[in-house]
PDB file of N, CA and C in Angstrom:
ATOM      1  N   UNK A   1     283.224 -57.730  -1.024  1.00  0.00           N
ATOM      2  CA  UNK A   1     281.883 -57.195  -1.152  1.00  0.00           C
ATOM      3  C   UNK A   1     280.872 -58.051  -0.399  1.00  0.00           C
ATOM      4  N   UNK A   2     281.087 -59.358  -0.422  1.00  0.00           N
ATOM      5  CA  UNK A   2     280.143 -60.266   0.247  1.00  0.00           C
ATOM      6  C   UNK A   2     280.179 -60.074   1.762  1.00  0.00           C
ATOM      7  N   UNK A   3     281.362 -59.712   2.299  1.00  0.00           N
ATOM      8  CA  UNK A   3     281.464 -59.508   3.738  1.00  0.00           C
ATOM      9  C   UNK A   3     280.613 -58.328   4.201  1.00  0.00           C
ATOM     10  N   UNK A   4     280.389 -57.388   3.303  1.00  0.00           N
ATOM     11  CA  UNK A   4     279.620 -56.201   3.660  1.00  0.00           C
ATOM     12  C   UNK A   4     278.156 -56.564   3.927  1.00  0.00           C
ATOM     13  N   UNK A   5     277.643 -57.535   3.204  1.00  0.00           N
ATOM     14  CA  UNK A   5     276.241 -57.899   3.336  1.00  0.00           C
ATOM     15  C   UNK A   5     276.005 -59.056   4.299  1.00  0.00           C
ATOM     16  N   UNK A   6     277.060 -59.668   4.832  1.00  0.00           N
ATOM     17  CA  UNK A   6     276.889 -60.810   5.722  1.00  0.00           C
ATOM     18  C   UNK A   6     276.072 -60.469   6.957  1.00  0.00           C
ATOM     19  N   UNK A   7     276.352 -59.345   7.572  1.00  0.00           N
ATOM     20  CA  UNK A   7     275.619 -58.947   8.780  1.00  0.00           C
ATOM     21  C   UNK A   7     274.148 -58.685   8.491  1.00  0.00           C
ATOM     22  N   UNK A   8     273.884 -58.014   7.375  1.00  0.00           N
ATOM     23  CA  UNK A   8     272.499 -57.709   7.003  1.00  0.00           C
ATOM     24  C   UNK A   8     271.743 -58.988   6.670  1.00  0.00           C
ATOM     25  N   UNK A   9     272.378 -59.863   5.910  1.00  0.00           N
ATOM     26  CA  UNK A   9     271.715 -61.118   5.536  1.00  0.00           C
ATOM     27  C   UNK A   9     271.474 -62.005   6.752  1.00  0.00           C
ATOM     28  N   UNK A  10     272.410 -62.008   7.686  1.00  0.00           N
ATOM     29  CA  UNK A  10     272.222 -62.792   8.906  1.00  0.00           C
ATOM     30  C   UNK A  10     271.057 -62.236   9.732  1.00  0.00           C
ATOM     31  N   UNK A  11     270.969 -60.912   9.832  1.00  0.00           N
ATOM     32  CA  UNK A  11     269.870 -60.284  10.560  1.00  0.00           C
ATOM     33  C   UNK A  11     268.539 -60.560   9.880  1.00  0.00           C
ATOM     34  N   UNK A  12     268.486 -60.456   8.562  1.00  0.00           N
ATOM     35  CA  UNK A  12     267.244 -60.749   7.831  1.00  0.00           C
ATOM     36  C   UNK A  12     266.845 -62.210   7.992  1.00  0.00           C
ATOM     37  N   UNK A  13     267.822 -63.102   7.982  1.00  0.00           N
ATOM     38  CA  UNK A  13     267.529 -64.522   8.167  1.00  0.00           C
ATOM     39  C   UNK A  13     266.963 -64.817   9.542  1.00  0.00           C
ATOM     40  N   UNK A  14     267.533 -64.206  10.556  1.00  0.00           N
ATOM     41  CA  UNK A  14     267.016 -64.442  11.905  1.00  0.00           C
ATOM     42  C   UNK A  14     265.648 -63.791  12.091  1.00  0.00           C
ATOM     43  N   UNK A  15     265.421 -62.629  11.481  1.00  0.00           N
ATOM     44  CA  UNK A  15     264.103 -61.991  11.557  1.00  0.00           C
ATOM     45  C   UNK A  15     263.054 -62.847  10.846  1.00  0.00           C
ATOM     46  N   UNK A  16     263.412 -63.400   9.699  1.00  0.00           N
ATOM     47  CA  UNK A  16     262.491 -64.277   8.972  1.00  0.00           C
ATOM     48  C   UNK A  16     262.158 -65.515   9.794  1.00  0.00           C
ATOM     49  N   UNK A  17     263.136 -66.074  10.480  1.00  0.00           N
ATOM     50  CA  UNK A  17     262.906 -67.254  11.308  1.00  0.00           C
ATOM     51  C   UNK A  17     261.940 -66.944  12.449  1.00  0.00           C
ATOM     52  N   UNK A  18     262.107 -65.805  13.090  1.00  0.00           N
ATOM     53  CA  UNK A  18     261.218 -65.413  14.187  1.00  0.00           C
ATOM     54  C   UNK A  18     259.796 -65.208  13.680  1.00  0.00           C
ATOM     55  N   UNK A  19     259.659 -64.537  12.536  1.00  0.00           N
ATOM     56  CA  UNK A  19     258.328 -64.304  11.965  1.00  0.00           C
ATOM     57  C   UNK A  19     257.682 -65.616  11.564  1.00  0.00           C
ATOM     58  N   UNK A  20     258.455 -66.512  10.953  1.00  0.00           N
ATOM     59  CA  UNK A  20     257.924 -67.808  10.529  1.00  0.00           C
ATOM     60  C   UNK A  20     257.443 -68.622  11.725  1.00  0.00           C
ATOM     61  N   UNK A  21     258.226 -68.638  12.802  1.00  0.00           N
ATOM     62  CA  UNK A  21     257.828 -69.374  14.002  1.00  0.00           C
ATOM     63  C   UNK A  21     256.566 -68.781  14.623  1.00  0.00           C
ATOM     64  N   UNK A  22     256.433 -67.461  14.601  1.00  0.00           N
ATOM     65  CA  UNK A  22     255.244 -66.813  15.155  1.00  0.00           C
ATOM     66  C   UNK A  22     253.998 -67.147  14.332  1.00  0.00           C
ATOM     67  N   UNK A  23     254.126 -67.134  13.021  1.00  0.00           N
ATOM     68  CA  UNK A  23     252.979 -67.431  12.154  1.00  0.00           C
ATOM     69  C   UNK A  23     252.561 -68.891  12.308  1.00  0.00           C
ATOM     70  N   UNK A  24     253.522 -69.796  12.295  1.00  0.00           N
ATOM     71  CA  UNK A  24     253.200 -71.219  12.447  1.00  0.00           C
ATOM     72  C   UNK A  24     252.580 -71.473  13.818  1.00  0.00           C
ATOM     73  N   UNK A  25     253.119 -70.856  14.850  1.00  0.00           N
ATOM     74  CA  UNK A  25     252.557 -71.005  16.192  1.00  0.00           C
ATOM     75  C   UNK A  25     251.138 -70.474  16.282  1.00  0.00           C
ATOM     76  N   UNK A  26     250.881 -69.342  15.635  1.00  0.00           N
ATOM     77  CA  UNK A  26     249.528 -68.772  15.645  1.00  0.00           C
ATOM     78  C   UNK A  26     248.538 -69.663  14.906  1.00  0.00           C
ATOM     79  N   UNK A  27     248.958 -70.231  13.787  1.00  0.00           N
ATOM     80  CA  UNK A  27     248.063 -71.123  13.034  1.00  0.00           C
ATOM     81  C   UNK A  27     247.773 -72.385  13.833  1.00  0.00           C
ATOM     82  N   UNK A  28     248.786 -72.965  14.466  1.00  0.00           N
ATOM     83  CA  UNK A  28     248.562 -74.160  15.276  1.00  0.00           C
ATOM     84  C   UNK A  28     247.668 -73.862  16.472  1.00  0.00           C
ATOM     85  N   UNK A  29     247.862 -72.696  17.110  1.00  0.00           N
ATOM     86  CA  UNK A  29     247.002 -72.303  18.215  1.00  0.00           C
ATOM     87  C   UNK A  29     245.567 -72.129  17.744  1.00  0.00           C
ATOM     88  N   UNK A  30     245.374 -71.515  16.580  1.00  0.00           N
ATOM     89  CA  UNK A  30     244.028 -71.306  16.034  1.00  0.00           C
ATOM     90  C   UNK A  30     243.353 -72.638  15.746  1.00  0.00           C
ATOM     91  N   UNK A  31     244.075 -73.576  15.172  1.00  0.00           N
ATOM     92  CA  UNK A  31     243.494 -74.888  14.868  1.00  0.00           C
ATOM     93  C   UNK A  31     243.081 -75.595  16.149  1.00  0.00           C
ATOM     94  N   UNK A  32     243.939 -75.564  17.155  1.00  0.00           N
ATOM     95  CA  UNK A  32     243.609 -76.220  18.433  1.00  0.00           C
ATOM     96  C   UNK A  32     242.420 -75.543  19.106  1.00  0.00           C
ATOM     97  N   UNK A  33     242.424 -74.203  19.157  1.00  0.00           N
ATOM     98  CA  UNK A  33     241.333 -73.478  19.806  1.00  0.00           C
ATOM     99  C   UNK A  33     240.011 -73.699  19.078  1.00  0.00           C
ATOM    100  N   UNK A  34     240.039 -73.685  17.758  1.00  0.00           N
ATOM    101  CA  UNK A  34     238.815 -73.923  16.988  1.00  0.00           C
ATOM    102  C   UNK A  34     238.329 -75.355  17.169  1.00  0.00           C
ATOM    103  N   UNK A  35     239.260 -76.315  17.248  1.00  0.00           N
ATOM    104  CA  UNK A  35     238.883 -77.706  17.501  1.00  0.00           C
ATOM    105  C   UNK A  35     238.228 -77.875  18.859  1.00  0.00           C
ATOM    106  N   UNK A  36     238.791 -77.232  19.885  1.00  0.00           N
ATOM    107  CA  UNK A  36     238.189 -77.291  21.224  1.00  0.00           C
ATOM    108  C   UNK A  36     236.814 -76.635  21.242  1.00  0.00           C
ATOM    109  N   UNK A  37     236.670 -75.545  20.507  1.00  0.00           N
ATOM    110  CA  UNK A  37     235.372 -74.870  20.423  1.00  0.00           C
ATOM    111  C   UNK A  37     234.338 -75.760  19.746  1.00  0.00           C
ATOM    112  N   UNK A  38     234.729 -76.428  18.663  1.00  0.00           N
ATOM    113  CA  UNK A  38     233.787 -77.319  17.972  1.00  0.00           C
ATOM    114  C   UNK A  38     233.361 -78.481  18.858  1.00  0.00           C
ATOM    115  N   UNK A  39     234.278 -78.994  19.679  1.00  0.00           N
ATOM    116  CA  UNK A  39     233.930 -80.066  20.616  1.00  0.00           C
ATOM    117  C   UNK A  39     233.007 -79.534  21.701  1.00  0.00           C
ATOM    118  N   UNK A  40     233.286 -78.338  22.204  1.00  0.00           N
ATOM    119  CA  UNK A  40     232.493 -77.802  23.308  1.00  0.00           C
ATOM    120  C   UNK A  40     231.058 -77.462  22.900  1.00  0.00           C
ATOM    121  N   UNK A  41     230.850 -77.071  21.652  1.00  0.00           N
ATOM    122  CA  UNK A  41     229.480 -76.764  21.233  1.00  0.00           C
ATOM    123  C   UNK A  41     228.767 -77.980  20.659  1.00  0.00           C
ATOM    124  N   UNK A  42     229.472 -79.094  20.552  1.00  0.00           N
ATOM    125  CA  UNK A  42     228.839 -80.333  20.145  1.00  0.00           C
ATOM    126  C   UNK A  42     228.770 -80.584  18.652  1.00  0.00           C
ATOM    127  N   UNK A  43     229.521 -79.854  17.862  1.00  0.00           N
ATOM    128  CA  UNK A  43     229.520 -80.079  16.413  1.00  0.00           C
ATOM    129  C   UNK A  43     230.228 -81.391  16.089  1.00  0.00           C
ATOM    130  N   UNK A  44     231.308 -81.686  16.810  1.00  0.00           N
ATOM    131  CA  UNK A  44     232.048 -82.936  16.628  1.00  0.00           C
ATOM    132  C   UNK A  44     232.109 -83.660  17.973  1.00  0.00           C
ATOM    133  N   UNK A  45     232.395 -84.961  17.925  1.00  0.00           N
ATOM    134  CA  UNK A  45     232.366 -85.784  19.136  1.00  0.00           C
ATOM    135  C   UNK A  45     233.681 -85.798  19.906  1.00  0.00           C
ATOM    136  N   UNK A  46     234.802 -85.807  19.204  1.00  0.00           N
ATOM    137  CA  UNK A  46     236.080 -85.902  19.908  1.00  0.00           C
ATOM    138  C   UNK A  46     237.068 -84.869  19.353  1.00  0.00           C
ATOM    139  N   UNK A  47     238.183 -84.737  20.034  1.00  0.00           N
ATOM    140  CA  UNK A  47     239.162 -83.711  19.680  1.00  0.00           C
ATOM    141  C   UNK A  47     239.829 -83.998  18.339  1.00  0.00           C
ATOM    142  N   UNK A  48     240.015 -85.268  17.986  1.00  0.00           N
ATOM    143  CA  UNK A  48     240.638 -85.586  16.702  1.00  0.00           C
ATOM    144  C   UNK A  48     239.781 -85.086  15.548  1.00  0.00           C
ATOM    145  N   UNK A  49     238.487 -85.291  15.651  1.00  0.00           N
ATOM    146  CA  UNK A  49     237.587 -84.781  14.616  1.00  0.00           C
ATOM    147  C   UNK A  49     237.561 -83.260  14.627  1.00  0.00           C
ATOM    148  N   UNK A  50     237.614 -82.673  15.804  1.00  0.00           N
ATOM    149  CA  UNK A  50     237.628 -81.228  15.907  1.00  0.00           C
ATOM    150  C   UNK A  50     238.852 -80.611  15.251  1.00  0.00           C
ATOM    151  N   UNK A  51     240.012 -81.230  15.457  1.00  0.00           N
ATOM    152  CA  UNK A  51     241.241 -80.730  14.839  1.00  0.00           C
ATOM    153  C   UNK A  51     241.182 -80.899  13.328  1.00  0.00           C
ATOM    154  N   UNK A  52     240.629 -82.014  12.871  1.00  0.00           N
ATOM    155  CA  UNK A  52     240.516 -82.246  11.431  1.00  0.00           C
ATOM    156  C   UNK A  52     239.606 -81.209  10.782  1.00  0.00           C
ATOM    157  N   UNK A  53     238.439 -80.999  11.362  1.00  0.00           N
ATOM    158  CA  UNK A  53     237.493 -80.035  10.804  1.00  0.00           C
ATOM    159  C   UNK A  53     238.062 -78.626  10.882  1.00  0.00           C
ATOM    160  N   UNK A  54     238.697 -78.276  11.993  1.00  0.00           N
ATOM    161  CA  UNK A  54     239.247 -76.928  12.116  1.00  0.00           C
ATOM    162  C   UNK A  54     240.415 -76.708  11.157  1.00  0.00           C
ATOM    163  N   UNK A  55     241.207 -77.747  10.879  1.00  0.00           N
ATOM    164  CA  UNK A  55     242.278 -77.628   9.897  1.00  0.00           C
ATOM    165  C   UNK A  55     241.704 -77.350   8.514  1.00  0.00           C
ATOM    166  N   UNK A  56     240.645 -78.056   8.162  1.00  0.00           N
ATOM    167  CA  UNK A  56     240.001 -77.827   6.867  1.00  0.00           C
ATOM    168  C   UNK A  56     239.442 -76.408   6.791  1.00  0.00           C
ATOM    169  N   UNK A  57     238.828 -75.943   7.867  1.00  0.00           N
ATOM    170  CA  UNK A  57     238.273 -74.583   7.891  1.00  0.00           C
ATOM    171  C   UNK A  57     239.382 -73.549   7.713  1.00  0.00           C
ATOM    172  N   UNK A  58     240.497 -73.719   8.412  1.00  0.00           N
ATOM    173  CA  UNK A  58     241.607 -72.768   8.308  1.00  0.00           C
ATOM    174  C   UNK A  58     242.190 -72.779   6.898  1.00  0.00           C
ATOM    175  N   UNK A  59     242.335 -73.956   6.289  1.00  0.00           N
ATOM    176  CA  UNK A  59     242.859 -74.040   4.925  1.00  0.00           C
ATOM    177  C   UNK A  59     241.928 -73.371   3.926  1.00  0.00           C
ATOM    178  N   UNK A  60     240.624 -73.571   4.076  1.00  0.00           N
ATOM    179  CA  UNK A  60     239.665 -72.947   3.157  1.00  0.00           C
ATOM    180  C   UNK A  60     239.705 -71.431   3.306  1.00  0.00           C
ATOM    181  N   UNK A  61     239.752 -70.934   4.537  1.00  0.00           N
ATOM    182  CA  UNK A  61     239.834 -69.484   4.746  1.00  0.00           C
ATOM    183  C   UNK A  61     241.122 -68.939   4.133  1.00  0.00           C
ATOM    184  N   UNK A  62     242.233 -69.644   4.305  1.00  0.00           N
ATOM    185  CA  UNK A  62     243.503 -69.228   3.726  1.00  0.00           C
ATOM    186  C   UNK A  62     243.413 -69.163   2.203  1.00  0.00           C
ATOM    187  N   UNK A  63     242.821 -70.187   1.588  1.00  0.00           N
ATOM    188  CA  UNK A  63     242.704 -70.195   0.133  1.00  0.00           C
ATOM    189  C   UNK A  63     241.785 -69.088  -0.372  1.00  0.00           C
ATOM    190  N   UNK A  64     240.718 -68.804   0.353  1.00  0.00           N
ATOM    191  CA  UNK A  64     239.822 -67.719  -0.042  1.00  0.00           C
ATOM    192  C   UNK A  64     240.547 -66.375   0.040  1.00  0.00           C
ATOM    193  N   UNK A  65     241.308 -66.167   1.112  1.00  0.00           N
ATOM    194  CA  UNK A  65     242.052 -64.913   1.251  1.00  0.00           C
ATOM    195  C   UNK A  65     243.093 -64.773   0.147  1.00  0.00           C
ATOM    196  N   UNK A  66     243.800 -65.845  -0.161  1.00  0.00           N
ATOM    197  CA  UNK A  66     244.787 -65.806  -1.247  1.00  0.00           C
ATOM    198  C   UNK A  66     244.090 -65.543  -2.574  1.00  0.00           C
ATOM    199  N   UNK A  67     242.954 -66.185  -2.816  1.00  0.00           N
ATOM    200  CA  UNK A  67     242.223 -65.966  -4.062  1.00  0.00           C
ATOM    201  C   UNK A  67     241.727 -64.544  -4.199  1.00  0.00           C
ATOM    202  N   UNK A  68     241.242 -63.962  -3.113  1.00  0.00           N
ATOM    203  CA  UNK A  68     240.786 -62.577  -3.171  1.00  0.00           C
ATOM    204  C   UNK A  68     241.947 -61.608  -3.348  1.00  0.00           C
ATOM    205  N   UNK A  69     243.080 -61.948  -2.765  1.00  0.00           N
ATOM    206  CA  UNK A  69     244.243 -61.069  -2.854  1.00  0.00           C
ATOM    207  C   UNK A  69     244.857 -61.092  -4.248  1.00  0.00           C
ATOM    208  N   UNK A  70     245.057 -62.286  -4.777  1.00  0.00           N
ATOM    209  CA  UNK A  70     245.732 -62.417  -6.071  1.00  0.00           C
ATOM    210  C   UNK A  70     244.798 -62.217  -7.252  1.00  0.00           C
ATOM    211  N   UNK A  71     243.551 -62.629  -7.104  1.00  0.00           N
ATOM    212  CA  UNK A  71     242.623 -62.552  -8.220  1.00  0.00           C
ATOM    213  C   UNK A  71     242.987 -63.557  -9.286  1.00  0.00           C
ATOM    214  N   UNK A  72     242.397 -63.418 -10.434  1.00  0.00           N
ATOM    215  CA  UNK A  72     242.747 -64.355 -11.509  1.00  0.00           C
ATOM    216  C   UNK A  72     244.189 -64.127 -11.969  1.00  0.00           C
ATOM    217  N   UNK A  73     244.885 -65.196 -12.209  1.00  0.00           N
ATOM    218  CA  UNK A  73     246.283 -65.114 -12.622  1.00  0.00           C
ATOM    219  C   UNK A  73     246.380 -64.658 -14.075  1.00  0.00           C
ATOM    220  N   UNK A  74     245.499 -65.139 -14.909  1.00  0.00           N
ATOM    221  CA  UNK A  74     245.531 -64.749 -16.317  1.00  0.00           C
ATOM    222  C   UNK A  74     244.296 -63.911 -16.621  1.00  0.00           C
ATOM    223  N   UNK A  75     244.386 -63.011 -17.576  1.00  0.00           N
ATOM    224  CA  UNK A  75     243.206 -62.219 -17.927  1.00  0.00           C
ATOM    225  C   UNK A  75     242.148 -63.102 -18.569  1.00  0.00           C
ATOM    226  N   UNK A  76     240.934 -62.903 -18.176  1.00  0.00           N
ATOM    227  CA  UNK A  76     239.835 -63.691 -18.732  1.00  0.00           C
ATOM    228  C   UNK A  76     238.819 -62.754 -19.346  1.00  0.00           C
ATOM    229  N   UNK A  77     237.996 -63.312 -20.187  1.00  0.00           N
ATOM    230  CA  UNK A  77     236.924 -62.548 -20.796  1.00  0.00           C
ATOM    231  C   UNK A  77     237.432 -61.728 -21.969  1.00  0.00           C
ATOM    232  N   UNK A  78     236.588 -60.858 -22.401  1.00  0.00           N
ATOM    233  CA  UNK A  78     236.960 -60.015 -23.532  1.00  0.00           C
ATOM    234  C   UNK A  78     236.612 -60.684 -24.843  1.00  0.00           C
ATOM    235  N   UNK A  79     236.284 -59.916 -25.775  1.00  0.00           N
ATOM    236  CA  UNK A  79     235.906 -60.456 -27.075  1.00  0.00           C
ATOM    237  C   UNK A  79     236.771 -59.862 -28.161  1.00  0.00           C
ATOM    238  N   UNK A  80     236.280 -59.936 -29.359  1.00  0.00           N
ATOM    239  CA  UNK A  80     237.010 -59.450 -30.498  1.00  0.00           C
ATOM    240  C   UNK A  80     237.016 -57.931 -30.537  1.00  0.00           C
ATOM    241  N   UNK A  81     238.205 -57.351 -30.562  1.00  0.00           N
ATOM    242  CA  UNK A  81     238.342 -55.928 -30.760  1.00  0.00           C
ATOM    243  C   UNK A  81     238.177 -55.061 -29.527  1.00  0.00           C
ATOM    244  N   UNK A  82     237.927 -55.606 -28.349  1.00  0.00           N
ATOM    245  CA  UNK A  82     237.743 -54.753 -27.186  1.00  0.00           C
ATOM    246  C   UNK A  82     239.024 -54.600 -26.361  1.00  0.00           C
ATOM    247  N   UNK A  83     240.095 -55.195 -26.814  1.00  0.00           N
ATOM    248  CA  UNK A  83     241.377 -55.032 -26.129  1.00  0.00           C
ATOM    249  C   UNK A  83     241.517 -55.881 -24.903  1.00  0.00           C
ATOM    250  N   UNK A  84     240.557 -56.735 -24.614  1.00  0.00           N
ATOM    251  CA  UNK A  84     240.620 -57.553 -23.421  1.00  0.00           C
ATOM    252  C   UNK A  84     241.023 -58.979 -23.705  1.00  0.00           C
ATOM    253  N   UNK A  85     241.718 -59.202 -24.759  1.00  0.00           N
ATOM    254  CA  UNK A  85     242.092 -60.572 -25.121  1.00  0.00           C
ATOM    255  C   UNK A  85     241.104 -61.111 -26.122  1.00  0.00           C
ATOM    256  N   UNK A  86     241.295 -62.284 -26.535  1.00  0.00           N
ATOM    257  CA  UNK A  86     240.378 -62.884 -27.489  1.00  0.00           C
ATOM    258  C   UNK A  86     240.843 -62.699 -28.902  1.00  0.00           C
ATOM    259  N   UNK A  87     239.921 -62.429 -29.782  1.00  0.00           N
ATOM    260  CA  UNK A  87     240.199 -62.359 -31.218  1.00  0.00           C
ATOM    261  C   UNK A  87     240.993 -61.137 -31.628  1.00  0.00           C
ATOM    262  N   UNK A  88     241.246 -61.031 -32.898  1.00  0.00           N
ATOM    263  CA  UNK A  88     242.032 -59.936 -33.458  1.00  0.00           C
ATOM    264  C   UNK A  88     241.186 -58.703 -33.619  1.00  0.00           C
TER     265      UNK A  88
END
């Protein structure tokens, strides 16, 4: 039975690797391009600072997107008797 899925699993693994490399490459390109842009407009003095600031910007944007996508993990709010958690 395992031999039947070997080809599919190998194909999925290689597809995942290609997608992962593309995403990582795009993020690294974005960080470098944003760092060069920050240096060119004079926000930061050198490329090391530009890469640092752009990395922080990319991480914050990523966290905001994840937060908006997932929302609160646990239900919040609600009082007694309204069915939204809280009291009995």
